[in-house]
Amino acid sequence: MTDHNSLQDRWALILGASSGMGAATALELARNGMHIFGVHLDLRSTLPNALRLVAEIQEMGREAIFFNMNAADAKKRAQIVDAMEERLKAEKEPSQVRVMLHSLAFGTLRAYVPD
């Protein structure tokens, strides 16, 4: 059983947030009180789904900060982490990511963390 209060106003990071399991998880976590950082890589044809998802999460009263970037690119990843850190430090009581889901469906197979 989940203690929903433990999720309230906490942050989740979802890689592959714009569709499939990533999108479903983002919505469920938002329903349970979490704010969502989402990383996705969408082209013009699939971007509307990511924007719809952000709007749906925001309609629940949750924050949704999505990055349309390639998570396999080290420079892009650094930009994402910097933006997340800035947002988390902006809270009255600095927060941290409590949940992380890796649900990237396509991209490169390079290591995300160097050995």
N, C-alpha and C. Protein backbone atom coordinates (compact mmCIF):
# COMPACT_ATOMS: atom_id res chain seq x y z
N MET A 1 0.84 -1.18 0.00
CA MET A 1 0.00 0.00 0.00
C MET A 1 0.89 1.25 0.00
N THR A 2 0.50 2.24 -0.75
CA THR A 2 1.28 3.47 -0.87
C THR A 2 0.74 4.53 0.06
N ASP A 3 1.62 5.19 0.77
CA ASP A 3 1.26 6.34 1.58
C ASP A 3 1.28 7.55 0.65
N HIS A 4 0.10 7.97 0.20
CA HIS A 4 0.03 9.05 -0.78
C HIS A 4 0.59 10.36 -0.25
N ASN A 5 0.56 10.56 1.08
CA ASN A 5 1.14 11.78 1.63
C ASN A 5 2.64 11.84 1.40
N SER A 6 3.30 10.68 1.32
CA SER A 6 4.74 10.68 1.10
C SER A 6 5.10 11.12 -0.32
N LEU A 7 4.14 11.11 -1.23
CA LEU A 7 4.37 11.54 -2.60
C LEU A 7 3.99 13.00 -2.82
N GLN A 8 3.19 13.55 -1.94
CA GLN A 8 2.65 14.90 -2.10
C GLN A 8 3.77 15.93 -2.23
N ASP A 9 3.73 16.68 -3.32
CA ASP A 9 4.67 17.76 -3.59
C ASP A 9 6.12 17.30 -3.72
N ARG A 10 6.33 16.03 -3.98
CA ARG A 10 7.66 15.49 -4.27
C ARG A 10 7.85 15.51 -5.78
N TRP A 11 9.07 15.26 -6.23
CA TRP A 11 9.39 15.30 -7.65
C TRP A 11 9.75 13.93 -8.18
N ALA A 12 9.33 13.66 -9.41
CA ALA A 12 9.71 12.45 -10.13
C ALA A 12 10.43 12.87 -11.41
N LEU A 13 11.39 12.07 -11.82
CA LEU A 13 12.08 12.25 -13.10
C LEU A 13 11.75 11.04 -13.96
N ILE A 14 11.17 11.31 -15.12
CA ILE A 14 10.81 10.22 -16.02
C ILE A 14 11.52 10.42 -17.35
N LEU A 15 12.36 9.46 -17.69
CA LEU A 15 13.03 9.45 -18.99
C LEU A 15 12.14 8.69 -19.95
N GLY A 16 11.74 9.33 -21.03
CA GLY A 16 10.78 8.73 -21.96
C GLY A 16 9.36 9.04 -21.51
N ALA A 17 9.15 10.29 -21.10
CA ALA A 17 7.90 10.68 -20.45
C ALA A 17 6.73 10.94 -21.39
N SER A 18 6.95 11.05 -22.68
CA SER A 18 5.89 11.54 -23.56
C SER A 18 4.95 10.48 -24.11
N SER A 19 5.26 9.21 -23.89
CA SER A 19 4.37 8.17 -24.43
C SER A 19 4.54 6.87 -23.65
N GLY A 20 3.65 5.94 -23.91
CA GLY A 20 3.76 4.60 -23.34
C GLY A 20 3.81 4.58 -21.83
N MET A 21 4.67 3.69 -21.31
CA MET A 21 4.79 3.52 -19.86
C MET A 21 5.23 4.80 -19.17
N GLY A 22 6.11 5.57 -19.80
CA GLY A 22 6.56 6.82 -19.20
C GLY A 22 5.42 7.81 -19.01
N ALA A 23 4.58 7.97 -20.03
CA ALA A 23 3.43 8.88 -19.93
C ALA A 23 2.43 8.38 -18.90
N ALA A 24 2.14 7.09 -18.92
CA ALA A 24 1.18 6.52 -17.96
C ALA A 24 1.67 6.70 -16.53
N THR A 25 2.96 6.50 -16.32
CA THR A 25 3.53 6.66 -14.98
C THR A 25 3.49 8.13 -14.56
N ALA A 26 3.81 9.03 -15.47
CA ALA A 26 3.76 10.46 -15.16
C ALA A 26 2.37 10.87 -14.70
N LEU A 27 1.36 10.41 -15.41
CA LEU A 27 -0.02 10.74 -15.03
C LEU A 27 -0.39 10.16 -13.68
N GLU A 28 -0.03 8.92 -13.44
CA GLU A 28 -0.39 8.28 -12.17
C GLU A 28 0.34 8.93 -10.99
N LEU A 29 1.60 9.24 -11.17
CA LEU A 29 2.33 9.92 -10.09
C LEU A 29 1.75 11.31 -9.84
N ALA A 30 1.38 12.02 -10.89
CA ALA A 30 0.75 13.34 -10.72
C ALA A 30 -0.59 13.21 -9.99
N ARG A 31 -1.37 12.19 -10.33
CA ARG A 31 -2.64 11.96 -9.62
C ARG A 31 -2.41 11.74 -8.13
N ASN A 32 -1.25 11.21 -7.80
CA ASN A 32 -0.91 10.92 -6.41
C ASN A 32 -0.09 12.03 -5.77
N GLY A 33 -0.04 13.20 -6.41
CA GLY A 33 0.53 14.38 -5.79
C GLY A 33 1.92 14.78 -6.19
N MET A 34 2.55 14.05 -7.10
CA MET A 34 3.93 14.37 -7.47
C MET A 34 4.00 15.38 -8.61
N HIS A 35 5.06 16.18 -8.58
CA HIS A 35 5.43 17.04 -9.70
C HIS A 35 6.32 16.21 -10.62
N ILE A 36 6.34 16.54 -11.90
CA ILE A 36 7.03 15.69 -12.87
C ILE A 36 8.07 16.47 -13.68
N PHE A 37 9.30 15.96 -13.66
CA PHE A 37 10.30 16.32 -14.65
C PHE A 37 10.23 15.24 -15.70
N GLY A 38 10.03 15.62 -16.95
CA GLY A 38 9.96 14.63 -18.02
C GLY A 38 11.00 14.90 -19.08
N VAL A 39 11.67 13.86 -19.51
CA VAL A 39 12.64 13.96 -20.61
C VAL A 39 12.12 13.10 -21.74
N HIS A 40 12.08 13.67 -22.93
CA HIS A 40 11.56 12.94 -24.09
C HIS A 40 12.25 13.48 -25.33
N LEU A 41 12.14 12.74 -26.40
CA LEU A 41 12.70 13.18 -27.68
C LEU A 41 11.62 13.00 -28.73
N ASP A 42 10.93 14.10 -29.02
CA ASP A 42 9.81 14.04 -29.96
C ASP A 42 10.05 14.98 -31.13
N LEU A 43 9.66 14.53 -32.28
CA LEU A 43 9.70 15.35 -33.49
C LEU A 43 8.40 16.12 -33.59
N ARG A 44 8.30 16.95 -34.58
CA ARG A 44 7.12 17.79 -34.75
C ARG A 44 5.82 16.97 -34.76
N SER A 45 5.84 15.81 -35.37
CA SER A 45 4.61 15.01 -35.50
C SER A 45 4.13 14.43 -34.18
N THR A 46 5.04 14.16 -33.23
CA THR A 46 4.63 13.55 -31.96
C THR A 46 4.68 14.53 -30.79
N LEU A 47 5.20 15.73 -31.02
CA LEU A 47 5.30 16.72 -29.95
C LEU A 47 3.95 17.10 -29.34
N PRO A 48 2.86 17.18 -30.11
CA PRO A 48 1.57 17.53 -29.49
C PRO A 48 1.17 16.60 -28.35
N ASN A 49 1.53 15.33 -28.42
CA ASN A 49 1.19 14.41 -27.33
C ASN A 49 1.92 14.80 -26.05
N ALA A 50 3.19 15.19 -26.16
CA ALA A 50 3.94 15.62 -24.99
C ALA A 50 3.33 16.89 -24.40
N LEU A 51 2.93 17.82 -25.25
CA LEU A 51 2.32 19.07 -24.77
C LEU A 51 0.97 18.80 -24.11
N ARG A 52 0.21 17.86 -24.65
CA ARG A 52 -1.07 17.48 -24.04
C ARG A 52 -0.84 16.88 -22.66
N LEU A 53 0.19 16.06 -22.54
CA LEU A 53 0.51 15.43 -21.26
C LEU A 53 0.90 16.47 -20.22
N VAL A 54 1.72 17.43 -20.60
CA VAL A 54 2.09 18.52 -19.69
C VAL A 54 0.84 19.25 -19.22
N ALA A 55 -0.05 19.59 -20.14
CA ALA A 55 -1.28 20.29 -19.78
C ALA A 55 -2.14 19.46 -18.83
N GLU A 56 -2.24 18.18 -19.09
CA GLU A 56 -3.06 17.30 -18.24
C GLU A 56 -2.49 17.24 -16.82
N ILE A 57 -1.19 17.17 -16.69
CA ILE A 57 -0.56 17.15 -15.37
C ILE A 57 -0.79 18.48 -14.66
N GLN A 58 -0.64 19.58 -15.38
CA GLN A 58 -0.86 20.90 -14.79
C GLN A 58 -2.31 21.10 -14.37
N GLU A 59 -3.24 20.53 -15.11
CA GLU A 59 -4.66 20.62 -14.73
C GLU A 59 -4.93 19.92 -13.40
N MET A 60 -4.07 19.00 -13.01
CA MET A 60 -4.19 18.31 -11.72
C MET A 60 -3.59 19.14 -10.58
N GLY A 61 -3.05 20.32 -10.91
CA GLY A 61 -2.43 21.16 -9.90
C GLY A 61 -0.98 20.80 -9.61
N ARG A 62 -0.38 20.03 -10.49
CA ARG A 62 1.01 19.59 -10.34
C ARG A 62 1.88 20.35 -11.33
N GLU A 63 3.14 20.47 -11.03
CA GLU A 63 4.08 21.06 -11.98
C GLU A 63 4.55 19.99 -12.95
N ALA A 64 4.72 20.38 -14.19
CA ALA A 64 5.25 19.49 -15.22
C ALA A 64 6.29 20.26 -16.01
N ILE A 65 7.53 19.87 -15.84
CA ILE A 65 8.63 20.51 -16.55
C ILE A 65 9.23 19.46 -17.46
N PHE A 66 9.00 19.62 -18.76
CA PHE A 66 9.44 18.63 -19.74
C PHE A 66 10.57 19.20 -20.59
N PHE A 67 11.50 18.33 -20.94
CA PHE A 67 12.65 18.68 -21.76
C PHE A 67 12.62 17.81 -23.01
N ASN A 68 12.49 18.44 -24.17
CA ASN A 68 12.50 17.70 -25.43
C ASN A 68 13.95 17.65 -25.92
N MET A 69 14.70 16.72 -25.35
CA MET A 69 16.13 16.61 -25.62
C MET A 69 16.55 15.14 -25.65
N ASN A 70 17.67 14.89 -26.29
CA ASN A 70 18.23 13.54 -26.35
C ASN A 70 18.99 13.25 -25.05
N ALA A 71 18.45 12.38 -24.22
CA ALA A 71 19.07 12.07 -22.93
C ALA A 71 20.40 11.33 -23.08
N ALA A 72 20.70 10.83 -24.25
CA ALA A 72 21.97 10.13 -24.48
C ALA A 72 23.11 11.10 -24.78
N ASP A 73 22.80 12.36 -24.98
CA ASP A 73 23.80 13.38 -25.27
C ASP A 73 24.26 14.01 -23.95
N ALA A 74 25.54 13.87 -23.63
CA ALA A 74 26.06 14.34 -22.34
C ALA A 74 25.83 15.84 -22.11
N LYS A 75 26.00 16.66 -23.14
CA LYS A 75 25.78 18.10 -22.98
C LYS A 75 24.31 18.41 -22.71
N LYS A 76 23.43 17.73 -23.41
CA LYS A 76 21.99 17.94 -23.19
C LYS A 76 21.61 17.48 -21.79
N ARG A 77 22.17 16.35 -21.38
CA ARG A 77 21.89 15.82 -20.05
C ARG A 77 22.32 16.81 -18.98
N ALA A 78 23.49 17.42 -19.17
CA ALA A 78 23.97 18.42 -18.21
C ALA A 78 23.03 19.61 -18.14
N GLN A 79 22.49 20.04 -19.28
CA GLN A 79 21.52 21.14 -19.29
C GLN A 79 20.27 20.77 -18.51
N ILE A 80 19.81 19.54 -18.70
CA ILE A 80 18.62 19.07 -18.00
C ILE A 80 18.87 19.05 -16.49
N VAL A 81 19.99 18.48 -16.08
CA VAL A 81 20.32 18.40 -14.65
C VAL A 81 20.44 19.79 -14.05
N ASP A 82 21.08 20.71 -14.75
CA ASP A 82 21.21 22.08 -14.25
C ASP A 82 19.85 22.73 -14.06
N ALA A 83 18.96 22.57 -15.02
CA ALA A 83 17.61 23.15 -14.92
C ALA A 83 16.83 22.53 -13.77
N MET A 84 16.97 21.22 -13.61
CA MET A 84 16.28 20.55 -12.50
C MET A 84 16.81 21.05 -11.15
N GLU A 85 18.13 21.14 -11.02
CA GLU A 85 18.72 21.62 -9.78
C GLU A 85 18.25 23.03 -9.45
N GLU A 86 18.21 23.89 -10.46
CA GLU A 86 17.75 25.26 -10.26
C GLU A 86 16.31 25.28 -9.75
N ARG A 87 15.45 24.47 -10.35
CA ARG A 87 14.05 24.43 -9.92
C ARG A 87 13.92 23.88 -8.50
N LEU A 88 14.64 22.82 -8.19
CA LEU A 88 14.54 22.22 -6.86
C LEU A 88 15.07 23.15 -5.78
N LYS A 89 16.10 23.92 -6.07
CA LYS A 89 16.65 24.86 -5.11
C LYS A 89 15.74 26.06 -4.90
N ALA A 90 14.83 26.32 -5.84
CA ALA A 90 13.93 27.48 -5.77
C ALA A 90 12.80 27.27 -4.77
N GLU A 91 12.60 26.05 -4.29
CA GLU A 91 11.52 25.79 -3.34
C GLU A 91 11.87 26.36 -1.98
N LYS A 92 10.83 26.61 -1.16
CA LYS A 92 11.04 27.13 0.20
C LYS A 92 12.03 26.24 0.95
N GLU A 93 11.80 24.95 0.84
CA GLU A 93 12.72 23.96 1.40
C GLU A 93 13.26 23.17 0.22
N PRO A 94 14.53 23.38 -0.14
CA PRO A 94 15.07 22.68 -1.32
C PRO A 94 14.72 21.20 -1.30
N SER A 95 14.33 20.70 -2.45
CA SER A 95 13.84 19.34 -2.57
C SER A 95 14.81 18.50 -3.39
N GLN A 96 14.40 17.28 -3.65
CA GLN A 96 15.18 16.37 -4.49
C GLN A 96 14.23 15.45 -5.25
N VAL A 97 14.75 14.78 -6.23
CA VAL A 97 13.95 13.81 -6.99
C VAL A 97 13.77 12.57 -6.12
N ARG A 98 12.52 12.13 -5.94
CA ARG A 98 12.22 10.97 -5.11
C ARG A 98 11.99 9.70 -5.92
N VAL A 99 11.56 9.87 -7.18
CA VAL A 99 11.27 8.72 -8.04
C VAL A 99 11.94 8.97 -9.38
N MET A 100 12.57 7.94 -9.92
CA MET A 100 13.13 8.03 -11.27
C MET A 100 12.73 6.80 -12.05
N LEU A 101 12.25 7.01 -13.28
CA LEU A 101 11.88 5.91 -14.16
C LEU A 101 12.62 6.08 -15.48
N HIS A 102 13.28 5.03 -15.92
CA HIS A 102 13.95 5.01 -17.22
C HIS A 102 13.04 4.25 -18.17
N SER A 103 12.42 4.98 -19.08
CA SER A 103 11.50 4.36 -20.03
C SER A 103 11.75 4.88 -21.44
N LEU A 104 13.01 5.15 -21.74
CA LEU A 104 13.35 5.61 -23.09
C LEU A 104 13.11 4.48 -24.08
N ALA A 105 12.41 4.79 -25.16
CA ALA A 105 12.04 3.76 -26.12
C ALA A 105 12.99 3.68 -27.30
N PHE A 106 13.72 4.75 -27.56
CA PHE A 106 14.64 4.73 -28.69
C PHE A 106 15.77 5.71 -28.43
N GLY A 107 16.81 5.60 -29.21
CA GLY A 107 17.97 6.45 -29.06
C GLY A 107 19.22 5.61 -29.12
N THR A 108 20.30 6.16 -28.62
CA THR A 108 21.56 5.42 -28.65
C THR A 108 21.68 4.52 -27.43
N LEU A 109 22.60 3.60 -27.49
CA LEU A 109 22.82 2.68 -26.37
C LEU A 109 24.11 3.00 -25.62
N ARG A 110 24.56 4.23 -25.72
CA ARG A 110 25.77 4.63 -24.99
C ARG A 110 25.49 4.64 -23.49
N ALA A 111 26.54 4.51 -22.71
CA ALA A 111 26.40 4.54 -21.26
C ALA A 111 25.94 5.93 -20.82
N TYR A 112 25.05 5.99 -19.83
CA TYR A 112 24.58 7.26 -19.29
C TYR A 112 25.51 7.77 -18.21
N VAL A 113 26.14 6.86 -17.51
CA VAL A 113 27.09 7.20 -16.46
C VAL A 113 28.41 6.55 -16.82
N PRO A 114 29.49 7.33 -16.89
CA PRO A 114 30.78 6.73 -17.28
C PRO A 114 31.25 5.73 -16.23
N ASP A 115 32.04 4.76 -16.68
CA ASP A 115 32.60 3.76 -15.76
C ASP A 115 33.60 4.38 -14.83
